Amino acid sequence: MHHRPALALAAASVLTALAAVPALADPLPSTTGLSGLRQATVDRADAALNNPRSFKLAGSNTLHSSTVKKAQNRNVLELSGSNDNRVVYNDYNGNSWCGSFIAAMWTGHTMPDPAAFPRIPTSYESSQAWRTDPRVADRWHPYTGARQALPAPGDVLVWSDDGSSRAGHVGLVVKVTASTRTILTVEGNVDGDEIARKSYTWGTGGPQRAGKTFRGYTSRE
């Protein structure tokens, strides 16, 4: 009898902690059979897409909150088309941030120290490091054709700009439908300063983006 107040306080603490965890809006289609590492990566991408994230405008240190457009599968980190590359995922440094977005999804940390996470590229801000860095060499799968084995949720698709092998784009795989060879991604720094969900058909040329050549994918594990 004397323990009931303590038990009530403990239960109240648990309920308070649970209430502090934000629910994910518009969750991704269900994934099954994923490892804990892959599932955590997909969950982070879902949260990034569906919850406000901070950004700054050029010449200002004022933090602004992004606009989540759930019906369009977009999270816009801009004001009036500002597109200044100053977002939380690159610590507002003004650099292109598709690679740093992937690093954050893989590790759960903004601008992670590569020394603490040896499976991410050392220069992860560069999109092409996700296929060329020696750290990912044993997990890199160059594109071999329309019937190539598909990536899995948590893997990273890599494109290079047409006419360039040093610049391009990366996107995080969050869902794969083998029957239609369809890949669903969540990508940062796409269509401006946005996080967006994209869908691709894995056919001739692989997942196709205008002005870019698909190179292949790097496995999460």
N, C-alpha and C. Protein backbone atom coordinates (compact mmCIF):
# COMPACT_ATOMS: atom_id res chain seq x y z
N MET A 1 0.82 -1.21 0.00
CA MET A 1 0.00 0.00 0.00
C MET A 1 0.85 1.25 0.00
N HIS A 2 1.97 1.18 0.73
CA HIS A 2 2.81 2.37 0.82
C HIS A 2 3.53 2.66 -0.51
N HIS A 3 3.57 1.71 -1.45
CA HIS A 3 4.30 1.90 -2.70
C HIS A 3 3.44 2.51 -3.80
N ARG A 4 2.14 2.64 -3.60
CA ARG A 4 1.28 3.10 -4.68
C ARG A 4 1.61 4.52 -5.15
N PRO A 5 1.86 5.48 -4.27
CA PRO A 5 2.22 6.82 -4.76
C PRO A 5 3.45 6.80 -5.65
N ALA A 6 4.46 6.00 -5.26
CA ALA A 6 5.68 5.93 -6.07
C ALA A 6 5.39 5.34 -7.43
N LEU A 7 4.54 4.27 -7.44
CA LEU A 7 4.18 3.65 -8.72
C LEU A 7 3.39 4.61 -9.59
N ALA A 8 2.51 5.39 -8.99
CA ALA A 8 1.73 6.35 -9.75
C ALA A 8 2.62 7.42 -10.36
N LEU A 9 3.61 7.87 -9.59
CA LEU A 9 4.54 8.87 -10.12
C LEU A 9 5.35 8.30 -11.27
N ALA A 10 5.80 7.05 -11.14
CA ALA A 10 6.57 6.42 -12.21
C ALA A 10 5.74 6.30 -13.47
N ALA A 11 4.47 5.87 -13.31
CA ALA A 11 3.59 5.75 -14.48
C ALA A 11 3.37 7.10 -15.14
N ALA A 12 3.19 8.12 -14.33
CA ALA A 12 2.99 9.46 -14.89
C ALA A 12 4.21 9.93 -15.65
N SER A 13 5.41 9.58 -15.15
CA SER A 13 6.65 9.96 -15.84
C SER A 13 6.76 9.30 -17.20
N VAL A 14 6.35 8.00 -17.24
CA VAL A 14 6.40 7.29 -18.52
C VAL A 14 5.44 7.92 -19.51
N LEU A 15 4.22 8.25 -19.07
CA LEU A 15 3.24 8.85 -19.96
C LEU A 15 3.71 10.20 -20.45
N THR A 16 4.36 10.97 -19.58
CA THR A 16 4.88 12.28 -19.99
C THR A 16 5.96 12.12 -21.05
N ALA A 17 6.85 11.13 -20.86
CA ALA A 17 7.91 10.89 -21.84
C ALA A 17 7.34 10.49 -23.18
N LEU A 18 6.31 9.61 -23.15
CA LEU A 18 5.71 9.19 -24.41
C LEU A 18 5.02 10.35 -25.11
N ALA A 19 4.39 11.22 -24.36
CA ALA A 19 3.70 12.36 -24.96
C ALA A 19 4.67 13.32 -25.62
N ALA A 20 5.94 13.32 -25.15
CA ALA A 20 6.93 14.24 -25.71
C ALA A 20 7.46 13.79 -27.05
N VAL A 21 7.21 12.52 -27.43
CA VAL A 21 7.69 12.01 -28.71
C VAL A 21 6.70 12.37 -29.79
N PRO A 22 7.10 13.18 -30.80
CA PRO A 22 6.14 13.60 -31.82
C PRO A 22 5.73 12.47 -32.73
N ALA A 23 4.48 12.41 -33.07
CA ALA A 23 4.00 11.40 -34.01
C ALA A 23 4.42 11.79 -35.42
N LEU A 24 4.72 10.79 -36.25
CA LEU A 24 5.10 11.05 -37.62
C LEU A 24 3.85 11.23 -38.46
N ALA A 25 3.79 12.34 -39.18
CA ALA A 25 2.66 12.60 -40.06
C ALA A 25 2.86 11.86 -41.38
N ASP A 26 1.76 11.48 -42.02
CA ASP A 26 1.80 10.88 -43.34
C ASP A 26 2.90 9.83 -43.45
N PRO A 27 2.85 8.74 -42.68
CA PRO A 27 3.94 7.77 -42.69
C PRO A 27 4.13 7.12 -44.05
N LEU A 28 5.33 6.65 -44.29
CA LEU A 28 5.63 5.95 -45.53
C LEU A 28 4.84 4.64 -45.59
N PRO A 29 4.62 4.12 -46.80
CA PRO A 29 4.03 2.79 -46.89
C PRO A 29 4.83 1.81 -46.04
N SER A 30 4.16 0.86 -45.44
CA SER A 30 4.80 -0.02 -44.48
C SER A 30 5.95 -0.79 -45.10
N THR A 31 6.97 -0.97 -44.30
CA THR A 31 8.10 -1.79 -44.71
C THR A 31 8.17 -2.95 -43.74
N THR A 32 8.52 -4.11 -44.24
CA THR A 32 8.59 -5.30 -43.40
C THR A 32 9.92 -5.99 -43.60
N GLY A 33 10.38 -6.64 -42.55
CA GLY A 33 11.58 -7.44 -42.65
C GLY A 33 12.87 -6.66 -42.72
N LEU A 34 12.85 -5.37 -42.40
CA LEU A 34 14.08 -4.57 -42.44
C LEU A 34 14.89 -4.77 -41.17
N SER A 35 16.20 -4.65 -41.30
CA SER A 35 17.04 -4.64 -40.12
C SER A 35 16.75 -3.38 -39.31
N GLY A 36 17.14 -3.39 -38.05
CA GLY A 36 16.96 -2.20 -37.23
C GLY A 36 17.66 -0.99 -37.78
N LEU A 37 18.84 -1.19 -38.38
CA LEU A 37 19.62 -0.10 -38.94
C LEU A 37 18.89 0.53 -40.12
N ARG A 38 18.36 -0.31 -41.00
CA ARG A 38 17.63 0.21 -42.17
C ARG A 38 16.32 0.88 -41.74
N GLN A 39 15.60 0.26 -40.81
CA GLN A 39 14.33 0.82 -40.39
C GLN A 39 14.52 2.19 -39.74
N ALA A 40 15.57 2.33 -38.93
CA ALA A 40 15.84 3.61 -38.29
C ALA A 40 16.13 4.69 -39.34
N THR A 41 16.83 4.31 -40.39
CA THR A 41 17.15 5.26 -41.46
C THR A 41 15.88 5.71 -42.18
N VAL A 42 15.00 4.77 -42.50
CA VAL A 42 13.74 5.10 -43.15
C VAL A 42 12.88 5.97 -42.25
N ASP A 43 12.84 5.65 -40.97
CA ASP A 43 12.04 6.45 -40.03
C ASP A 43 12.54 7.89 -39.94
N ARG A 44 13.85 8.08 -39.96
CA ARG A 44 14.40 9.44 -39.93
C ARG A 44 13.99 10.21 -41.18
N ALA A 45 14.03 9.54 -42.32
CA ALA A 45 13.64 10.21 -43.57
C ALA A 45 12.17 10.59 -43.54
N ASP A 46 11.34 9.72 -43.00
CA ASP A 46 9.91 10.01 -42.88
C ASP A 46 9.69 11.24 -42.00
N ALA A 47 10.41 11.29 -40.87
CA ALA A 47 10.29 12.44 -39.97
C ALA A 47 10.78 13.72 -40.64
N ALA A 48 11.86 13.63 -41.41
CA ALA A 48 12.40 14.82 -42.09
C ALA A 48 11.43 15.35 -43.12
N LEU A 49 10.74 14.46 -43.80
CA LEU A 49 9.80 14.87 -44.83
C LEU A 49 8.54 15.49 -44.24
N ASN A 50 8.12 15.01 -43.10
CA ASN A 50 6.79 15.35 -42.59
C ASN A 50 6.75 16.28 -41.40
N ASN A 51 7.87 16.81 -41.00
CA ASN A 51 7.91 17.72 -39.86
C ASN A 51 8.74 18.96 -40.20
N PRO A 52 8.36 20.13 -39.66
CA PRO A 52 9.12 21.35 -39.95
C PRO A 52 10.58 21.23 -39.56
N ARG A 53 11.44 21.77 -40.40
CA ARG A 53 12.87 21.80 -40.15
C ARG A 53 13.37 23.22 -40.37
N SER A 54 14.45 23.59 -39.71
CA SER A 54 14.88 24.99 -39.71
C SER A 54 15.80 25.32 -40.88
N PHE A 55 15.77 26.59 -41.28
CA PHE A 55 16.65 27.11 -42.31
C PHE A 55 16.86 28.60 -42.08
N LYS A 56 17.85 29.16 -42.77
CA LYS A 56 18.14 30.59 -42.68
C LYS A 56 18.18 31.19 -44.08
N LEU A 57 18.02 32.48 -44.14
CA LEU A 57 18.17 33.22 -45.39
C LEU A 57 19.58 33.78 -45.47
N ALA A 58 20.05 34.04 -46.67
CA ALA A 58 21.39 34.59 -46.87
C ALA A 58 21.52 35.91 -46.12
N GLY A 59 22.64 36.06 -45.40
CA GLY A 59 22.90 37.30 -44.69
C GLY A 59 22.16 37.46 -43.39
N SER A 60 21.49 36.40 -42.92
CA SER A 60 20.71 36.49 -41.68
C SER A 60 20.93 35.24 -40.85
N ASN A 61 20.92 35.39 -39.54
CA ASN A 61 21.01 34.25 -38.64
C ASN A 61 19.67 33.89 -38.01
N THR A 62 18.61 34.52 -38.50
CA THR A 62 17.26 34.20 -38.01
C THR A 62 16.85 32.82 -38.51
N LEU A 63 16.36 32.00 -37.58
CA LEU A 63 15.88 30.67 -37.96
C LEU A 63 14.42 30.74 -38.40
N HIS A 64 14.14 30.08 -39.52
CA HIS A 64 12.78 29.96 -40.03
C HIS A 64 12.40 28.49 -40.04
N SER A 65 11.11 28.21 -39.96
CA SER A 65 10.61 26.84 -40.04
C SER A 65 10.11 26.54 -41.44
N SER A 66 10.42 25.34 -41.92
CA SER A 66 10.00 24.94 -43.25
C SER A 66 8.49 24.77 -43.33
N THR A 67 7.99 24.70 -44.56
CA THR A 67 6.57 24.49 -44.81
C THR A 67 6.35 23.07 -45.33
N VAL A 68 5.66 22.27 -44.54
CA VAL A 68 5.36 20.89 -44.95
C VAL A 68 4.13 20.88 -45.84
N LYS A 69 4.28 20.33 -47.04
CA LYS A 69 3.17 20.21 -47.99
C LYS A 69 2.89 18.73 -48.19
N LYS A 70 2.11 18.17 -47.27
CA LYS A 70 1.92 16.73 -47.25
C LYS A 70 1.28 16.20 -48.53
N ALA A 71 0.33 16.94 -49.07
CA ALA A 71 -0.37 16.47 -50.27
C ALA A 71 0.57 16.35 -51.46
N GLN A 72 1.67 17.11 -51.42
CA GLN A 72 2.64 17.10 -52.51
C GLN A 72 3.90 16.32 -52.16
N ASN A 73 3.94 15.74 -50.97
CA ASN A 73 5.13 15.01 -50.51
C ASN A 73 6.38 15.89 -50.56
N ARG A 74 6.23 17.11 -50.03
CA ARG A 74 7.32 18.08 -50.05
C ARG A 74 7.44 18.76 -48.69
N ASN A 75 8.67 19.13 -48.35
CA ASN A 75 8.95 19.94 -47.17
C ASN A 75 9.87 21.06 -47.66
N VAL A 76 9.35 22.27 -47.71
CA VAL A 76 10.03 23.39 -48.38
C VAL A 76 10.80 24.24 -47.37
N LEU A 77 12.11 24.28 -47.51
CA LEU A 77 12.97 25.04 -46.60
C LEU A 77 13.39 26.34 -47.29
N GLU A 78 12.41 27.12 -47.71
CA GLU A 78 12.63 28.37 -48.44
C GLU A 78 11.57 29.39 -48.05
N LEU A 79 11.87 30.65 -48.32
CA LEU A 79 10.89 31.73 -48.30
C LEU A 79 10.95 32.43 -49.64
N SER A 80 9.83 32.44 -50.34
CA SER A 80 9.73 33.11 -51.64
C SER A 80 10.83 32.65 -52.60
N GLY A 81 11.09 31.34 -52.59
CA GLY A 81 12.08 30.79 -53.51
C GLY A 81 13.50 31.15 -53.18
N SER A 82 13.81 31.36 -51.90
CA SER A 82 15.14 31.85 -51.50
C SER A 82 16.27 30.92 -51.93
N ASN A 83 16.16 29.60 -51.72
CA ASN A 83 17.14 28.61 -52.20
C ASN A 83 18.58 29.02 -51.88
N ASP A 84 18.86 29.25 -50.59
CA ASP A 84 20.18 29.72 -50.17
C ASP A 84 21.09 28.61 -49.65
N ASN A 85 20.63 27.35 -49.66
CA ASN A 85 21.44 26.23 -49.17
C ASN A 85 21.90 26.44 -47.73
N ARG A 86 21.06 27.07 -46.93
CA ARG A 86 21.40 27.27 -45.52
C ARG A 86 20.32 26.59 -44.68
N VAL A 87 20.53 25.31 -44.45
CA VAL A 87 19.52 24.49 -43.77
C VAL A 87 20.17 23.74 -42.62
N VAL A 88 19.33 23.20 -41.75
CA VAL A 88 19.84 22.51 -40.58
C VAL A 88 20.74 21.34 -40.96
N TYR A 89 20.49 20.68 -42.08
CA TYR A 89 21.23 19.47 -42.42
C TYR A 89 22.67 19.73 -42.84
N ASN A 90 22.99 20.94 -43.26
CA ASN A 90 24.40 21.28 -43.52
C ASN A 90 24.92 22.31 -42.54
N ASP A 91 24.24 22.43 -41.39
CA ASP A 91 24.59 23.40 -40.36
C ASP A 91 24.63 24.81 -40.94
N TYR A 92 23.74 25.07 -41.91
CA TYR A 92 23.54 26.41 -42.50
C TYR A 92 24.80 26.93 -43.20
N ASN A 93 25.61 26.02 -43.76
CA ASN A 93 26.90 26.46 -44.31
C ASN A 93 26.84 26.95 -45.76
N GLY A 94 25.70 26.86 -46.41
CA GLY A 94 25.56 27.38 -47.76
C GLY A 94 25.98 26.43 -48.86
N ASN A 95 26.43 25.22 -48.52
CA ASN A 95 26.82 24.24 -49.52
C ASN A 95 25.62 23.40 -49.97
N SER A 96 25.72 22.83 -51.16
CA SER A 96 24.71 21.87 -51.59
C SER A 96 24.60 20.78 -50.53
N TRP A 97 23.38 20.34 -50.23
CA TRP A 97 23.23 19.52 -49.03
C TRP A 97 22.57 18.16 -49.23
N CYS A 98 22.50 17.67 -50.46
CA CYS A 98 21.91 16.34 -50.64
C CYS A 98 22.75 15.27 -49.94
N GLY A 99 24.09 15.41 -49.99
CA GLY A 99 24.96 14.44 -49.33
C GLY A 99 24.92 14.53 -47.83
N SER A 100 24.88 15.74 -47.30
CA SER A 100 24.83 15.89 -45.84
C SER A 100 23.47 15.44 -45.31
N PHE A 101 22.42 15.56 -46.12
CA PHE A 101 21.12 15.03 -45.73
C PHE A 101 21.19 13.51 -45.57
N ILE A 102 21.82 12.83 -46.51
CA ILE A 102 21.96 11.37 -46.41
C ILE A 102 22.76 11.00 -45.16
N ALA A 103 23.85 11.72 -44.91
CA ALA A 103 24.67 11.43 -43.73
C ALA A 103 23.86 11.57 -42.45
N ALA A 104 22.99 12.58 -42.40
CA ALA A 104 22.14 12.76 -41.22
C ALA A 104 21.13 11.62 -41.09
N MET A 105 20.59 11.15 -42.21
CA MET A 105 19.63 10.05 -42.17
C MET A 105 20.32 8.75 -41.74
N TRP A 106 21.54 8.53 -42.18
CA TRP A 106 22.27 7.31 -41.83
C TRP A 106 22.69 7.29 -40.36
N THR A 107 23.08 8.45 -39.83
CA THR A 107 23.68 8.49 -38.51
C THR A 107 22.79 9.05 -37.41
N GLY A 108 21.78 9.84 -37.79
CA GLY A 108 20.97 10.52 -36.79
C GLY A 108 21.62 11.76 -36.25
N HIS A 109 22.69 12.23 -36.90
CA HIS A 109 23.41 13.42 -36.45
C HIS A 109 23.58 14.40 -37.60
N THR A 110 23.43 15.69 -37.31
CA THR A 110 23.66 16.73 -38.30
C THR A 110 25.16 16.93 -38.48
N MET A 111 25.63 16.91 -39.71
CA MET A 111 27.04 17.07 -40.03
C MET A 111 27.91 16.17 -39.14
N PRO A 112 27.70 14.85 -39.22
CA PRO A 112 28.43 13.93 -38.33
C PRO A 112 29.93 13.92 -38.61
N ASP A 113 30.69 13.65 -37.58
CA ASP A 113 32.14 13.52 -37.70
C ASP A 113 32.44 12.17 -38.35
N PRO A 114 33.06 12.14 -39.53
CA PRO A 114 33.33 10.85 -40.18
C PRO A 114 34.17 9.91 -39.34
N ALA A 115 34.99 10.46 -38.44
CA ALA A 115 35.80 9.60 -37.59
C ALA A 115 34.94 8.76 -36.66
N ALA A 116 33.77 9.26 -36.32
CA ALA A 116 32.87 8.53 -35.43
C ALA A 116 31.95 7.58 -36.19
N PHE A 117 31.87 7.75 -37.51
CA PHE A 117 30.98 6.94 -38.34
C PHE A 117 31.73 6.48 -39.58
N PRO A 118 32.56 5.45 -39.44
CA PRO A 118 33.46 5.06 -40.54
C PRO A 118 32.79 4.51 -41.78
N ARG A 119 31.47 4.23 -41.75
CA ARG A 119 30.81 3.69 -42.93
C ARG A 119 30.20 4.76 -43.83
N ILE A 120 30.29 6.02 -43.43
CA ILE A 120 29.89 7.10 -44.33
C ILE A 120 31.13 7.64 -45.02
N PRO A 121 30.99 8.22 -46.20
CA PRO A 121 32.17 8.79 -46.88
C PRO A 121 32.81 9.90 -46.04
N THR A 122 34.11 10.02 -46.13
CA THR A 122 34.79 11.10 -45.41
C THR A 122 34.28 12.46 -45.87
N SER A 123 34.12 12.62 -47.17
CA SER A 123 33.62 13.89 -47.75
C SER A 123 32.17 13.71 -48.16
N TYR A 124 31.32 13.38 -47.20
CA TYR A 124 29.93 13.02 -47.53
C TYR A 124 29.12 14.17 -48.11
N GLU A 125 29.57 15.43 -47.95
CA GLU A 125 28.84 16.54 -48.57
C GLU A 125 28.87 16.44 -50.09
N SER A 126 29.90 15.82 -50.64
CA SER A 126 29.99 15.61 -52.09
C SER A 126 29.14 14.41 -52.48
N SER A 127 28.21 14.62 -53.41
CA SER A 127 27.34 13.52 -53.82
C SER A 127 28.14 12.34 -54.37
N GLN A 128 29.20 12.62 -55.11
CA GLN A 128 29.95 11.55 -55.76
C GLN A 128 30.81 10.75 -54.79
N ALA A 129 31.06 11.29 -53.59
CA ALA A 129 31.79 10.53 -52.58
C ALA A 129 31.02 9.30 -52.16
N TRP A 130 29.70 9.32 -52.35
CA TRP A 130 28.89 8.17 -51.96
C TRP A 130 29.10 6.98 -52.90
N ARG A 131 29.86 7.18 -53.97
CA ARG A 131 30.21 6.04 -54.83
C ARG A 131 31.72 5.87 -55.00
N THR A 132 32.51 6.92 -54.72
CA THR A 132 33.95 6.86 -54.99
C THR A 132 34.80 6.71 -53.74
N ASP A 133 34.28 7.04 -52.57
CA ASP A 133 35.08 6.98 -51.36
C ASP A 133 35.44 5.54 -51.03
N PRO A 134 36.71 5.27 -50.66
CA PRO A 134 37.10 3.89 -50.31
C PRO A 134 36.27 3.28 -49.20
N ARG A 135 35.69 4.09 -48.35
CA ARG A 135 34.88 3.56 -47.25
C ARG A 135 33.63 2.82 -47.74
N VAL A 136 33.15 3.17 -48.92
CA VAL A 136 31.94 2.52 -49.43
C VAL A 136 32.23 1.55 -50.56
N ALA A 137 33.50 1.32 -50.85
CA ALA A 137 33.86 0.52 -52.02
C ALA A 137 33.24 -0.87 -52.00
N ASP A 138 33.19 -1.51 -50.83
CA ASP A 138 32.67 -2.87 -50.76
C ASP A 138 31.14 -2.92 -50.77
N ARG A 139 30.50 -1.74 -50.73
CA ARG A 139 29.04 -1.68 -50.73
C ARG A 139 28.48 -0.93 -51.93
N TRP A 140 29.36 -0.57 -52.85
CA TRP A 140 28.95 0.17 -54.04
C TRP A 140 28.54 -0.79 -55.15
N HIS A 141 27.36 -0.54 -55.77
CA HIS A 141 26.85 -1.38 -56.84
C HIS A 141 26.64 -0.51 -58.08
N PRO A 142 27.60 -0.51 -59.01
CA PRO A 142 27.41 0.30 -60.22
C PRO A 142 26.22 -0.20 -61.03
N TYR A 143 25.57 0.72 -61.72
CA TYR A 143 24.40 0.35 -62.50
C TYR A 143 24.81 -0.57 -63.64
N THR A 144 24.11 -1.71 -63.78
CA THR A 144 24.45 -2.69 -64.81
C THR A 144 23.30 -2.95 -65.78
N GLY A 145 22.14 -2.35 -65.57
CA GLY A 145 21.05 -2.57 -66.50
C GLY A 145 19.72 -2.69 -65.80
N ALA A 146 18.67 -2.77 -66.62
CA ALA A 146 17.31 -2.75 -66.10
C ALA A 146 16.98 -3.94 -65.22
N ARG A 147 17.69 -5.06 -65.40
CA ARG A 147 17.39 -6.26 -64.61
C ARG A 147 18.34 -6.43 -63.43
N GLN A 148 19.08 -5.42 -63.11
CA GLN A 148 19.98 -5.47 -61.97
C GLN A 148 19.22 -5.71 -60.67
N ALA A 149 19.86 -6.36 -59.71
CA ALA A 149 19.25 -6.53 -58.39
C ALA A 149 18.94 -5.15 -57.81
N LEU A 150 17.75 -5.02 -57.25
CA LEU A 150 17.30 -3.72 -56.76
C LEU A 150 17.94 -3.39 -55.41
N PRO A 151 18.06 -2.09 -55.11
CA PRO A 151 18.53 -1.70 -53.78
C PRO A 151 17.46 -2.01 -52.74
N ALA A 152 17.79 -1.75 -51.49
CA ALA A 152 16.85 -1.95 -50.39
C ALA A 152 16.66 -0.64 -49.63
N PRO A 153 15.58 -0.51 -48.87
CA PRO A 153 15.40 0.71 -48.08
C PRO A 153 16.62 1.01 -47.21
N GLY A 154 17.01 2.27 -47.23
CA GLY A 154 18.22 2.70 -46.53
C GLY A 154 19.41 2.87 -47.43
N ASP A 155 19.36 2.29 -48.65
CA ASP A 155 20.45 2.44 -49.60
C ASP A 155 20.41 3.83 -50.26
N VAL A 156 21.50 4.18 -50.92
CA VAL A 156 21.64 5.52 -51.50
C VAL A 156 21.81 5.42 -53.02
N LEU A 157 20.91 6.08 -53.76
CA LEU A 157 21.05 6.17 -55.21
C LEU A 157 21.97 7.34 -55.54
N VAL A 158 22.82 7.14 -56.55
CA VAL A 158 23.80 8.17 -56.92
C VAL A 158 23.67 8.49 -58.41
N TRP A 159 23.52 9.78 -58.71
CA TRP A 159 23.55 10.29 -60.08
C TRP A 159 24.73 11.24 -60.23
N SER A 160 25.27 11.33 -61.45
CA SER A 160 26.23 12.39 -61.76
C SER A 160 25.59 13.33 -62.78
N ASP A 161 26.01 14.58 -62.77
CA ASP A 161 25.51 15.52 -63.76
C ASP A 161 25.99 15.10 -65.14
N ASP A 162 25.15 15.24 -66.16
CA ASP A 162 25.57 14.93 -67.52
C ASP A 162 26.80 15.76 -67.86
N GLY A 163 27.82 15.10 -68.37
CA GLY A 163 29.04 15.80 -68.75
C GLY A 163 29.98 16.05 -67.59
N SER A 164 29.67 15.51 -66.40
CA SER A 164 30.52 15.72 -65.24
C SER A 164 30.57 14.45 -64.40
N SER A 165 31.74 14.12 -63.90
CA SER A 165 31.85 12.98 -62.99
C SER A 165 32.10 13.44 -61.56
N ARG A 166 32.04 14.75 -61.33
CA ARG A 166 32.38 15.28 -60.01
C ARG A 166 31.19 15.90 -59.28
N ALA A 167 30.10 16.14 -59.99
CA ALA A 167 28.92 16.73 -59.36
C ALA A 167 27.70 15.88 -59.70
N GLY A 168 26.67 16.01 -58.88
CA GLY A 168 25.47 15.23 -59.14
C GLY A 168 24.50 15.32 -58.00
N HIS A 169 23.92 14.16 -57.64
CA HIS A 169 22.84 14.15 -56.66
C HIS A 169 22.75 12.76 -56.04
N VAL A 170 22.24 12.70 -54.79
CA VAL A 170 21.99 11.43 -54.13
C VAL A 170 20.59 11.44 -53.52
N GLY A 171 19.98 10.26 -53.42
CA GLY A 171 18.67 10.12 -52.82
C GLY A 171 18.61 8.87 -51.98
N LEU A 172 17.82 8.89 -50.92
CA LEU A 172 17.71 7.77 -50.00
C LEU A 172 16.52 6.88 -50.37
N VAL A 173 16.77 5.60 -50.59
CA VAL A 173 15.70 4.65 -50.87
C VAL A 173 14.91 4.39 -49.59
N VAL A 174 13.58 4.50 -49.67
CA VAL A 174 12.73 4.23 -48.51
C VAL A 174 11.71 3.13 -48.76
N LYS A 175 11.49 2.76 -50.01
CA LYS A 175 10.52 1.71 -50.32
C LYS A 175 10.85 1.12 -51.69
N VAL A 176 10.76 -0.20 -51.80
CA VAL A 176 11.02 -0.89 -53.07
C VAL A 176 9.86 -1.84 -53.34
N THR A 177 9.30 -1.73 -54.55
CA THR A 177 8.25 -2.66 -54.98
C THR A 177 8.81 -3.50 -56.11
N ALA A 178 9.18 -4.73 -55.80
CA ALA A 178 9.86 -5.58 -56.76
C ALA A 178 8.99 -5.92 -57.96
N SER A 179 7.68 -6.09 -57.74
CA SER A 179 6.81 -6.52 -58.84
C SER A 179 6.75 -5.50 -59.97
N THR A 180 6.85 -4.23 -59.65
CA THR A 180 6.83 -3.18 -60.67
C THR A 180 8.20 -2.52 -60.83
N ARG A 181 9.18 -3.00 -60.08
CA ARG A 181 10.54 -2.44 -60.08
C ARG A 181 10.48 -0.92 -59.88
N THR A 182 9.74 -0.54 -58.85
CA THR A 182 9.55 0.86 -58.51
C THR A 182 10.32 1.18 -57.23
N ILE A 183 11.01 2.31 -57.25
CA ILE A 183 11.81 2.76 -56.11
C ILE A 183 11.23 4.06 -55.60
N LEU A 184 10.95 4.10 -54.29
CA LEU A 184 10.49 5.33 -53.65
C LEU A 184 11.66 5.89 -52.84
N THR A 185 11.89 7.20 -52.95
CA THR A 185 12.99 7.82 -52.24
C THR A 185 12.51 9.01 -51.42
N VAL A 186 13.34 9.43 -50.47
CA VAL A 186 13.24 10.75 -49.86
C VAL A 186 14.59 11.41 -50.10
N GLU A 187 14.56 12.64 -50.64
CA GLU A 187 15.78 13.32 -51.06
C GLU A 187 15.83 14.73 -50.50
N GLY A 188 17.02 15.17 -50.15
CA GLY A 188 17.24 16.53 -49.71
C GLY A 188 17.88 17.36 -50.81
N ASN A 189 17.70 18.69 -50.74
CA ASN A 189 18.27 19.60 -51.73
C ASN A 189 17.80 19.24 -53.14
N VAL A 190 16.50 18.95 -53.25
CA VAL A 190 15.92 18.59 -54.54
C VAL A 190 14.88 19.65 -54.91
N ASP A 191 14.86 20.05 -56.18
CA ASP A 191 13.93 21.08 -56.66
C ASP A 191 14.06 22.36 -55.83
N GLY A 192 15.30 22.71 -55.51
CA GLY A 192 15.55 23.85 -54.63
C GLY A 192 15.88 23.36 -53.24
N ASP A 193 15.67 24.21 -52.24
CA ASP A 193 15.89 23.80 -50.86
C ASP A 193 14.65 23.07 -50.35
N GLU A 194 14.53 21.82 -50.78
CA GLU A 194 13.37 21.01 -50.38
C GLU A 194 13.80 19.61 -50.01
N ILE A 195 13.01 19.00 -49.15
CA ILE A 195 13.02 17.56 -48.95
C ILE A 195 11.79 17.05 -49.67
N ALA A 196 11.94 16.02 -50.48
CA ALA A 196 10.81 15.56 -51.28
C ALA A 196 10.83 14.05 -51.43
N ARG A 197 9.64 13.49 -51.57
CA ARG A 197 9.50 12.07 -51.88
C ARG A 197 9.38 11.92 -53.38
N LYS A 198 10.17 11.01 -53.95
CA LYS A 198 10.19 10.78 -55.39
C LYS A 198 9.95 9.31 -55.69
N SER A 199 9.42 9.05 -56.86
CA SER A 199 9.19 7.67 -57.30
C SER A 199 9.87 7.47 -58.66
N TYR A 200 10.57 6.34 -58.80
CA TYR A 200 11.29 6.04 -60.03
C TYR A 200 10.98 4.61 -60.47
N THR A 201 11.01 4.39 -61.76
CA THR A 201 10.95 3.04 -62.31
C THR A 201 12.36 2.61 -62.67
N TRP A 202 12.74 1.45 -62.20
CA TRP A 202 14.09 0.94 -62.46
C TRP A 202 14.08 0.24 -63.82
N GLY A 203 14.31 1.00 -64.86
CA GLY A 203 14.31 0.45 -66.20
C GLY A 203 15.61 0.76 -66.91
N THR A 204 15.56 0.88 -68.23
CA THR A 204 16.75 1.21 -69.00
C THR A 204 17.29 2.56 -68.56
N GLY A 205 18.54 2.59 -68.17
CA GLY A 205 19.14 3.81 -67.65
C GLY A 205 18.97 3.97 -66.16
N GLY A 206 18.23 3.06 -65.53
CA GLY A 206 18.01 3.14 -64.10
C GLY A 206 17.04 4.25 -63.74
N PRO A 207 16.95 4.62 -62.47
CA PRO A 207 16.08 5.73 -62.06
C PRO A 207 16.52 7.02 -62.76
N GLN A 208 15.65 7.60 -63.54
CA GLN A 208 16.06 8.70 -64.41
C GLN A 208 15.69 10.06 -63.84
N ARG A 209 16.66 10.98 -63.89
CA ARG A 209 16.47 12.38 -63.55
C ARG A 209 16.99 13.23 -64.70
N ALA A 210 16.29 14.30 -65.03
CA ALA A 210 16.68 15.16 -66.14
C ALA A 210 18.07 15.75 -65.89
N GLY A 211 18.90 15.69 -66.92
CA GLY A 211 20.24 16.29 -66.84
C GLY A 211 21.24 15.49 -66.04
N LYS A 212 20.88 14.25 -65.66
CA LYS A 212 21.77 13.45 -64.83
C LYS A 212 21.85 12.02 -65.34
N THR A 213 22.96 11.36 -65.04
CA THR A 213 23.18 9.97 -65.39
C THR A 213 23.21 9.14 -64.13
N PHE A 214 22.42 8.08 -64.09
CA PHE A 214 22.40 7.22 -62.92
C PHE A 214 23.65 6.36 -62.90
N ARG A 215 24.30 6.31 -61.73
CA ARG A 215 25.56 5.58 -61.60
C ARG A 215 25.42 4.26 -60.86
N GLY A 216 24.47 4.18 -59.93
CA GLY A 216 24.30 2.97 -59.14
C GLY A 216 23.89 3.31 -57.73
N TYR A 217 24.12 2.38 -56.82
CA TYR A 217 23.70 2.63 -55.45
C TYR A 217 24.70 2.05 -54.45
N THR A 218 24.71 2.65 -53.27
CA THR A 218 25.55 2.19 -52.16
C THR A 218 24.66 1.60 -51.08
N SER A 219 24.98 0.41 -50.64
CA SER A 219 24.17 -0.29 -49.65
C SER A 219 24.40 0.29 -48.26
N ARG A 220 23.32 0.30 -47.49
CA ARG A 220 23.38 0.79 -46.10
C ARG A 220 24.21 -0.13 -45.25
N GLU A 221 24.13 -1.43 -45.52
CA GLU A 221 24.90 -2.42 -44.73
C GLU A 221 25.20 -3.63 -45.59
